[in-house]
């Protein structure tokens, strides 16, 4: 059985490098031009994106370029220019959404594989065959599809690669054909500028036309009014079932606009889940424990293993987002010599160390810090907090831009974190 690929989001150059350090086989992203994540794409310009591709290739990893919005006639020439420009950077695939753009990309960049976006809503063999005949090498299937349907497609088209989403935010419209944001704010989801209106709380009213009377409908006790707020997808507990099917070529994590912590921890959790499956040591609790450290809207396993009419728990009505079990305290620099504060940290604090994939530490102690291991986890206690400019702190707060010297060198992009209750207590919050 060929090992499935782990595909992680790359919202900018730093997050690209973090995702690769924490176990991704490939990453996806792009500049803001014609991408369905305009805000994320603005963090990449042509130069930094080219550096990202070069960096990934130096590690033997892949980069897939997103050009997955839907063009108007007035944009066709701009699309051609953009595809030509992206093809010069030699990414490992172009992710596109419409048949016309598939044809355009094949003409302009015949040397670059085409991956069909989930926005194309492929759910059956007939549609998959049409795109395969057009030259598409991989289809990112609709989020509504079932694993059995994937098996049916693969049986007819064994050479066609299938990619599925396994984790991350879910659009209320699932595969994304939503106009709520466009109607309310003029920001068009299908062109990459969604305002996430489905995440807001709403009041519901009933209006009597004859009397011109309007009544506000009260919400049920303990049921909130975030009526369109989809829970986040979390398929970690089903990775063994997905991989055992033998029909899925790539497992994809959503989240180009998420934090560096999310990019690292979620990628690492799925890296371990995939590797453990092939090693015959799959234990879902390991991965769920890590995934629950991240902020989320509640988790759902969506529809890959359950039919839509069998589910009534895919919406989170009480909140738009909630804290995970942990808070990021610091992010270590790429060279491993300094760190930047992400949460109030003081001399004497004992903070957990989250390491990239494939590296470990030894216990040690010197005049500036102590590193110890407990139950397989590593912790660091700072005895001094000193910036690269020589300023010494008793405590340093989130948002402080000083680079803080590490007492010992740590692996690139190591994450430091603490429990959420401790983090809130340090800030005087309940």
Protein backbone atom coordinates (compact mmCIF):
# COMPACT_ATOMS: atom_id res chain seq x y z
CA UNK A 1 0.00 0.00 0.00
CA UNK A 2 1.43 3.35 -1.06
CA UNK A 3 1.66 5.76 1.87
CA UNK A 4 -0.87 8.60 1.70
CA UNK A 5 0.36 12.18 1.52
CA UNK A 6 -0.16 14.68 4.33
CA UNK A 7 -1.01 18.10 2.87
CA UNK A 8 -0.92 21.19 5.13
CA UNK A 9 -1.83 24.87 4.66
CA UNK A 10 0.82 27.51 3.94
CA UNK A 11 -0.59 30.96 4.69
CA UNK A 12 2.81 32.65 4.47
CA UNK A 13 6.48 31.74 4.27
CA UNK A 14 6.85 31.19 8.01
CA UNK A 15 3.80 28.94 8.22
CA UNK A 16 5.01 27.05 5.14
CA UNK A 17 8.27 26.26 6.90
CA UNK A 18 6.48 25.34 10.14
CA UNK A 19 4.11 22.94 8.39
CA UNK A 20 7.03 21.18 6.74
CA UNK A 21 9.00 21.05 10.01
CA UNK A 22 6.02 19.48 11.76
CA UNK A 23 5.59 16.68 9.25
CA UNK A 24 3.78 17.77 6.08
CA UNK A 25 4.72 16.01 2.85
CA UNK A 26 3.35 18.93 0.86
CA UNK A 27 1.79 22.36 1.40
CA UNK A 28 -0.69 24.47 -0.55
CA UNK A 29 -1.09 28.22 -0.87
CA UNK A 30 -0.60 31.11 -3.22
CA UNK A 31 -0.51 34.84 -3.70
CA UNK A 32 -3.76 36.79 -3.29
CA UNK A 33 -4.39 36.84 -7.04
CA UNK A 34 -7.34 34.55 -7.89
CA UNK A 35 -7.01 32.55 -4.68
CA UNK A 36 -9.98 31.78 -2.45
CA UNK A 37 -8.03 33.06 0.55
CA UNK A 38 -7.28 36.67 -0.37
CA UNK A 39 -6.32 37.64 3.20
CA UNK A 40 -3.87 34.75 3.44
CA UNK A 41 -2.53 35.29 -0.05
CA UNK A 42 -1.62 38.90 0.76
CA UNK A 43 1.06 37.51 3.07
CA UNK A 44 2.75 35.97 0.03
CA UNK A 45 4.18 38.07 -2.78
CA UNK A 46 5.86 36.55 -5.82
CA UNK A 47 9.32 36.72 -4.23
CA UNK A 48 8.41 35.10 -0.91
CA UNK A 49 6.25 32.50 -2.63
CA UNK A 50 9.14 31.59 -4.93
CA UNK A 51 11.36 31.24 -1.84
CA UNK A 52 8.77 28.93 -0.31
CA UNK A 53 8.74 26.65 -3.34
CA UNK A 54 12.52 26.58 -3.44
CA UNK A 55 12.69 25.81 0.29
CA UNK A 56 10.15 22.97 0.06
CA UNK A 57 11.92 21.44 -2.93
CA UNK A 58 15.24 21.56 -1.06
CA UNK A 59 13.63 19.24 1.51
CA UNK A 60 12.14 16.95 -1.11
CA UNK A 61 8.64 18.29 -0.31
CA UNK A 62 5.95 19.67 -2.63
CA UNK A 63 4.00 22.92 -3.06
CA UNK A 64 0.59 23.16 -4.73
CA UNK A 65 -0.46 26.60 -6.00
CA UNK A 66 -4.03 27.81 -5.44
CA UNK A 67 -5.69 29.54 -8.41
CA UNK A 68 -9.15 28.38 -7.40
CA UNK A 69 -11.55 31.32 -7.69
CA UNK A 70 -14.08 31.60 -10.52
CA UNK A 71 -13.26 34.09 -13.31
CA UNK A 72 -15.50 36.62 -15.07
CA UNK A 73 -14.97 37.31 -18.76
CA UNK A 74 -13.15 40.53 -17.92
CA UNK A 75 -10.55 38.56 -15.94
CA UNK A 76 -9.60 35.89 -18.46
CA UNK A 77 -6.48 37.65 -19.73
CA UNK A 78 -5.41 38.33 -16.13
CA UNK A 79 -5.86 34.63 -15.37
CA UNK A 80 -3.66 33.72 -18.32
CA UNK A 81 -0.92 36.07 -17.15
CA UNK A 82 -1.10 34.78 -13.59
CA UNK A 83 -0.95 31.12 -14.59
CA UNK A 84 2.04 31.87 -16.80
CA UNK A 85 3.76 33.70 -13.94
CA UNK A 86 3.06 30.89 -11.45
CA UNK A 87 4.24 28.22 -13.89
CA UNK A 88 7.67 29.88 -14.03
CA UNK A 89 8.06 29.13 -10.31
CA UNK A 90 7.59 25.39 -11.01
CA UNK A 91 5.14 24.42 -8.27
CA UNK A 92 4.19 20.77 -8.14
CA UNK A 93 0.56 21.37 -9.15
CA UNK A 94 -2.00 24.09 -9.86
CA UNK A 95 -5.25 23.87 -7.89
CA UNK A 96 -8.12 25.22 -10.05
CA UNK A 97 -11.91 25.11 -9.83
CA UNK A 98 -13.58 25.45 -13.23
CA UNK A 99 -13.41 23.46 -16.49
CA UNK A 100 -12.41 26.56 -18.42
CA UNK A 101 -9.46 27.25 -16.16
CA UNK A 102 -8.44 23.59 -16.36
CA UNK A 103 -8.28 23.95 -20.14
CA UNK A 104 -6.43 27.26 -19.86
CA UNK A 105 -3.86 25.87 -17.43
CA UNK A 106 -3.24 22.82 -19.61
CA UNK A 107 -2.54 25.14 -22.56
CA UNK A 108 -0.32 27.64 -20.75
CA UNK A 109 1.49 25.31 -18.33
CA UNK A 110 1.32 21.78 -19.78
CA UNK A 111 4.29 20.68 -17.65
CA UNK A 112 2.49 21.33 -14.35
CA UNK A 113 -0.09 18.83 -13.01
CA UNK A 114 -3.65 20.03 -12.46
CA UNK A 115 -5.51 19.40 -9.21
CA UNK A 116 -9.25 20.12 -9.19
CA UNK A 117 -10.46 22.16 -6.21
CA UNK A 118 -13.18 20.95 -3.87
CA UNK A 119 -15.10 24.01 -5.14
CA UNK A 120 -15.89 22.00 -8.27
CA UNK A 121 -18.08 19.74 -6.10
CA UNK A 122 -17.11 16.39 -7.59
CA UNK A 123 -19.21 13.72 -5.87
CA UNK A 124 -19.57 10.95 -8.45
CA UNK A 125 -17.82 8.85 -11.08
CA UNK A 126 -19.34 10.69 -14.07
CA UNK A 127 -18.01 14.10 -13.06
CA UNK A 128 -14.66 12.66 -12.01
CA UNK A 129 -14.29 10.98 -15.40
CA UNK A 130 -15.00 14.23 -17.27
CA UNK A 131 -12.21 16.05 -15.44
CA UNK A 132 -9.84 13.08 -15.71
CA UNK A 133 -10.37 13.04 -19.49
CA UNK A 134 -9.51 16.76 -19.51
CA UNK A 135 -6.13 16.00 -17.97
CA UNK A 136 -6.79 16.52 -14.25
CA UNK A 137 -4.44 14.28 -12.26
CA UNK A 138 -6.02 14.76 -8.82
CA UNK A 139 -9.48 15.69 -7.59
CA UNK A 140 -10.04 17.27 -4.19
CA UNK A 141 -13.48 15.78 -3.72
CA UNK A 142 -16.53 17.63 -2.41
CA UNK A 143 -16.73 17.77 1.37
CA UNK A 144 -20.17 16.16 1.22
CA UNK A 145 -18.83 12.98 -0.38
CA UNK A 146 -18.72 9.64 1.42
CA UNK A 147 -15.78 7.27 1.64
CA UNK A 148 -17.84 4.68 -0.24
CA UNK A 149 -18.29 7.13 -3.11
CA UNK A 150 -14.52 7.68 -3.16
CA UNK A 151 -14.07 3.93 -3.42
CA UNK A 152 -16.51 3.83 -6.34
CA UNK A 153 -14.61 6.57 -8.19
CA UNK A 154 -11.26 4.88 -7.61
CA UNK A 155 -12.60 1.55 -8.85
CA UNK A 156 -13.48 3.07 -12.23
CA UNK A 157 -10.53 5.52 -12.38
CA UNK A 158 -7.62 3.90 -10.52
CA UNK A 159 -5.07 6.32 -12.03
CA UNK A 160 -6.95 9.39 -10.73
CA UNK A 161 -5.63 10.66 -7.41
CA UNK A 162 -8.20 11.54 -4.72
CA UNK A 163 -7.64 14.11 -1.99
CA UNK A 164 -9.95 14.70 0.98
CA UNK A 165 -10.14 17.30 3.73
CA UNK A 166 -9.62 15.80 7.18
CA UNK A 167 -9.41 18.84 9.46
CA UNK A 168 -10.25 22.52 9.77
CA UNK A 169 -12.99 25.10 9.39
CA UNK A 170 -16.14 24.07 7.57
CA UNK A 171 -18.16 26.47 5.43
CA UNK A 172 -21.89 26.47 6.23
CA UNK A 173 -22.35 25.62 2.55
CA UNK A 174 -19.65 22.93 2.95
CA UNK A 175 -18.12 23.03 -0.53
CA UNK A 176 -18.34 26.78 -0.46
CA UNK A 177 -21.03 27.88 -2.91
CA UNK A 178 -22.38 30.44 -0.44
CA UNK A 179 -23.70 33.98 -1.02
CA UNK A 180 -24.52 35.07 2.55
CA UNK A 181 -21.41 37.25 2.78
CA UNK A 182 -21.98 38.68 -0.68
CA UNK A 183 -25.55 39.70 0.18
CA UNK A 184 -24.73 41.27 3.54
CA UNK A 185 -21.34 42.89 3.01
CA UNK A 186 -20.58 42.71 -0.69
CA UNK A 187 -17.63 40.41 0.00
CA UNK A 188 -17.93 37.44 -2.37
CA UNK A 189 -16.96 34.02 -0.93
CA UNK A 190 -16.50 32.48 -4.37
CA UNK A 191 -13.84 35.07 -5.14
CA UNK A 192 -11.89 34.71 -1.90
CA UNK A 193 -13.14 37.57 0.27
CA UNK A 194 -15.72 35.90 2.54
CA UNK A 195 -16.55 37.94 5.67
CA UNK A 196 -17.54 34.77 7.60
CA UNK A 197 -21.08 36.04 8.20
CA UNK A 198 -22.17 32.51 9.09
CA UNK A 199 -20.06 32.79 12.26
CA UNK A 200 -22.18 35.63 13.69
CA UNK A 201 -25.12 35.33 16.13
CA UNK A 202 -28.52 36.15 14.61
CA UNK A 203 -31.90 37.17 16.02
CA UNK A 204 -34.91 35.65 14.27
CA UNK A 205 -38.19 37.54 13.66
CA UNK A 206 -41.66 36.69 12.37
CA UNK A 207 -43.55 39.40 10.45
CA UNK A 208 -47.34 39.60 9.93
CA UNK A 209 -47.93 41.46 6.63
CA UNK A 210 -51.62 42.14 7.33
CA UNK A 211 -51.04 43.91 10.65
CA UNK A 212 -47.46 45.02 9.94
CA UNK A 213 -46.47 43.48 13.28
CA UNK A 214 -43.06 41.96 13.89
CA UNK A 215 -42.28 39.51 16.68
CA UNK A 216 -38.85 38.48 17.86
CA UNK A 217 -38.60 34.72 18.25
CA UNK A 218 -36.91 33.80 21.52
CA UNK A 219 -34.15 31.26 21.47
CA UNK A 220 -34.58 27.96 23.27
CA UNK A 221 -32.92 27.67 26.69
CA UNK A 222 -29.25 26.70 26.36
CA UNK A 223 -29.44 26.93 22.56
CA UNK A 224 -27.62 29.94 21.15
CA UNK A 225 -28.26 31.91 17.97
CA UNK A 226 -25.12 31.13 15.98
CA UNK A 227 -27.52 29.33 13.66
CA UNK A 228 -25.17 28.93 10.68
CA UNK A 229 -21.90 28.37 12.52
CA UNK A 230 -20.53 25.04 11.30
CA UNK A 231 -18.33 23.06 13.66
CA UNK A 232 -14.75 22.38 12.61
CA UNK A 233 -13.95 19.14 10.83
CA UNK A 234 -11.87 16.64 12.78
CA UNK A 235 -11.33 13.26 11.13
CA UNK A 236 -8.35 12.14 13.20
CA UNK A 237 -10.30 9.31 14.79
CA UNK A 238 -11.09 7.96 11.30
CA UNK A 239 -7.62 8.16 9.76
CA UNK A 240 -7.22 4.39 10.14
CA UNK A 241 -10.51 3.75 8.34
CA UNK A 242 -9.64 6.24 5.59
CA UNK A 243 -6.20 4.80 4.96
CA UNK A 244 -7.38 1.18 5.21
CA UNK A 245 -9.70 1.87 2.26
CA UNK A 246 -6.62 2.31 0.07
CA UNK A 247 -8.35 4.86 -2.18
CA UNK A 248 -7.27 8.19 -0.68
CA UNK A 249 -3.97 9.61 -1.95
CA UNK A 250 -3.80 12.79 0.12
CA UNK A 251 -5.17 13.94 3.49
CA UNK A 252 -5.62 17.71 3.55
CA UNK A 253 -5.71 20.14 6.49
CA UNK A 254 -7.63 23.41 6.08
CA UNK A 255 -6.28 26.63 7.58
CA UNK A 256 -4.15 29.07 5.60
CA UNK A 257 -5.39 31.93 7.79
CA UNK A 258 -4.86 30.03 11.05
CA UNK A 259 -1.96 30.63 13.45
CA UNK A 260 1.58 29.21 13.26
CA UNK A 261 0.65 27.13 16.33
CA UNK A 262 -2.27 25.58 14.45
CA UNK A 263 -0.07 24.88 11.41
CA UNK A 264 2.47 23.06 13.58
CA UNK A 265 0.35 21.17 16.10
CA UNK A 266 -2.40 20.00 13.74
CA UNK A 267 0.11 18.89 11.12
CA UNK A 268 2.10 16.98 13.74
CA UNK A 269 -1.02 15.23 15.08
CA UNK A 270 -1.99 13.96 11.63
CA UNK A 271 1.62 13.06 10.84
CA UNK A 272 1.62 10.77 13.87
CA UNK A 273 -1.81 9.37 13.01
CA UNK A 274 -0.72 8.44 9.48
CA UNK A 275 2.63 7.01 10.56
CA UNK A 276 1.06 5.08 13.44
CA UNK A 277 -1.49 3.50 11.10
CA UNK A 278 1.17 2.16 8.77
CA UNK A 279 3.17 0.96 11.78
CA UNK A 280 0.13 -0.86 13.18
CA UNK A 281 -0.02 1.34 16.28
CA UNK A 282 -3.01 3.65 15.70
CA UNK A 283 -4.41 5.15 18.94
CA UNK A 284 -6.91 7.94 18.29
CA UNK A 285 -6.68 9.44 21.80
CA UNK A 286 -3.08 10.52 21.11
CA UNK A 287 -4.06 12.71 18.18
CA UNK A 288 -7.30 14.07 19.63
CA UNK A 289 -5.50 15.25 22.76
CA UNK A 290 -3.23 17.45 20.63
CA UNK A 291 -5.98 18.67 18.31
CA UNK A 292 -8.07 19.80 21.28
CA UNK A 293 -5.25 22.13 22.35
CA UNK A 294 -6.17 24.42 19.44
CA UNK A 295 -8.96 26.99 19.29
CA UNK A 296 -12.04 25.47 17.64
CA UNK A 297 -15.78 25.79 17.08
CA UNK A 298 -16.44 22.33 18.44
CA UNK A 299 -15.55 19.31 16.32
CA UNK A 300 -17.51 17.22 13.84
CA UNK A 301 -16.49 14.28 11.68
CA UNK A 302 -18.79 15.71 8.99
CA UNK A 303 -20.10 13.46 6.23
CA UNK A 304 -17.25 11.27 5.00
CA UNK A 305 -18.40 8.38 7.19
CA UNK A 306 -21.98 9.53 7.95
CA UNK A 307 -24.81 10.61 5.66
CA UNK A 308 -26.14 14.19 6.06
CA UNK A 309 -29.61 13.01 7.15
CA UNK A 310 -28.01 10.95 9.92
CA UNK A 311 -26.45 14.02 11.51
CA UNK A 312 -27.91 16.91 13.51
CA UNK A 313 -24.81 18.02 15.39
CA UNK A 314 -22.72 19.77 12.76
CA UNK A 315 -23.53 23.33 13.95
CA UNK A 316 -22.11 25.13 16.97
CA UNK A 317 -24.96 27.33 18.21
CA UNK A 318 -23.50 28.70 21.44
CA UNK A 319 -20.25 30.37 20.36
CA UNK A 320 -18.34 31.43 17.30
CA UNK A 321 -15.06 29.96 18.58
CA UNK A 322 -13.71 28.62 21.86
CA UNK A 323 -10.30 28.30 23.47
CA UNK A 324 -8.51 25.02 23.19
CA UNK A 325 -6.87 23.38 26.19
CA UNK A 326 -3.60 25.27 25.71
CA UNK A 327 -2.24 28.75 24.97
CA UNK A 328 0.89 29.48 22.96
CA UNK A 329 3.53 31.16 25.13
CA UNK A 330 6.30 31.62 22.58
CA UNK A 331 7.52 30.71 19.10
CA UNK A 332 11.20 29.92 18.57
CA UNK A 333 12.95 31.52 15.58
CA UNK A 334 14.06 29.66 12.48
CA UNK A 335 17.70 29.67 13.64
CA UNK A 336 16.70 28.30 17.06
CA UNK A 337 18.54 31.03 18.97
CA UNK A 338 15.72 33.37 20.04
CA UNK A 339 12.01 33.40 20.82
CA UNK A 340 9.15 35.86 20.59
CA UNK A 341 6.54 36.19 23.34
CA UNK A 342 2.96 35.19 22.49
CA UNK A 343 1.61 35.12 26.05
CA UNK A 344 2.75 36.64 29.35
CA UNK A 345 5.86 34.80 30.50
CA UNK A 346 7.87 35.39 33.67
CA UNK A 347 11.12 34.24 35.22
CA UNK A 348 10.40 30.95 36.98
CA UNK A 349 7.57 29.88 34.66
CA UNK A 350 7.62 26.21 33.68
CA UNK A 351 6.47 25.94 30.05
CA UNK A 352 5.89 22.89 27.86
CA UNK A 353 8.10 22.46 24.78
CA UNK A 354 6.40 21.28 21.57
CA UNK A 355 9.03 19.96 19.19
CA UNK A 356 8.90 19.57 15.40
CA UNK A 357 8.73 16.04 14.01
CA UNK A 358 11.86 13.90 14.26
CA UNK A 359 13.76 15.84 16.94
CA UNK A 360 14.19 15.37 20.68
CA UNK A 361 15.91 16.97 23.66
CA UNK A 362 18.03 16.00 26.62
CA UNK A 363 17.42 17.14 30.16
CA UNK A 364 19.84 19.87 31.28
CA UNK A 365 20.28 22.80 33.63
CA UNK A 366 22.46 25.90 33.64
CA UNK A 367 22.36 29.38 35.15
CA UNK A 368 19.73 30.57 32.68
CA UNK A 369 17.26 27.70 32.30
CA UNK A 370 16.30 24.17 33.19
CA UNK A 371 14.94 21.56 30.76
CA UNK A 372 13.26 18.51 32.22
CA UNK A 373 11.16 15.60 30.95
CA UNK A 374 7.97 14.26 32.51
CA UNK A 375 5.69 11.56 31.08
CA UNK A 376 7.26 11.95 27.64
CA UNK A 377 6.85 15.73 27.57
CA UNK A 378 9.62 18.31 27.85
CA UNK A 379 9.41 21.52 29.89
CA UNK A 380 11.62 24.58 30.13
CA UNK A 381 11.94 26.90 33.13
CA UNK A 382 13.50 30.29 32.44
CA UNK A 383 15.82 31.64 35.14
CA UNK A 384 16.52 34.76 33.07
CA UNK A 385 14.68 36.57 30.29
CA UNK A 386 17.07 38.75 28.30
CA UNK A 387 16.51 40.35 24.89
CA UNK A 388 19.06 40.47 22.09
CA UNK A 389 19.42 44.18 22.93
CA UNK A 390 20.57 43.30 26.45
CA UNK A 391 17.36 44.32 28.23
CA UNK A 392 16.42 42.03 31.12
CA UNK A 393 12.80 41.28 32.01
CA UNK A 394 11.10 39.85 35.06
CA UNK A 395 8.02 39.29 32.88
CA UNK A 396 7.43 39.82 29.17
CA UNK A 397 3.97 40.27 27.68
CA UNK A 398 2.19 39.22 24.52
CA UNK A 399 2.80 41.67 21.70
CA UNK A 400 6.30 42.60 22.87
CA UNK A 401 8.43 42.63 19.72
CA UNK A 402 11.77 41.97 21.43
CA UNK A 403 13.68 38.88 20.35
CA UNK A 404 14.51 36.99 23.55
CA UNK A 405 17.73 35.01 23.76
CA UNK A 406 17.37 31.27 24.29
CA UNK A 407 19.72 29.88 26.95
CA UNK A 408 20.32 26.88 24.66
CA UNK A 409 19.67 26.35 20.99
CA UNK A 410 16.34 24.68 20.21
CA UNK A 411 15.08 23.19 16.92
CA UNK A 412 13.70 25.66 14.37
CA UNK A 413 10.14 26.79 15.09
CA UNK A 414 9.84 24.98 18.41
CA UNK A 415 6.64 26.04 20.19
CA UNK A 416 6.33 26.82 23.89
CA UNK A 417 2.88 26.50 25.47
CA UNK A 418 1.00 26.31 28.77
CA UNK A 419 -2.45 25.15 29.87
CA UNK A 420 -5.26 27.60 29.13
CA UNK A 421 -6.31 27.87 32.79
CA UNK A 422 -2.78 28.89 33.80
CA UNK A 423 -2.58 31.33 30.91
CA UNK A 424 -5.83 33.04 31.93
CA UNK A 425 -4.84 33.13 35.58
CA UNK A 426 -1.60 34.92 34.69
CA UNK A 427 -3.69 37.62 33.01
CA UNK A 428 -6.16 37.82 35.88
CA UNK A 429 -8.99 36.23 33.89
CA UNK A 430 -11.48 33.64 35.09
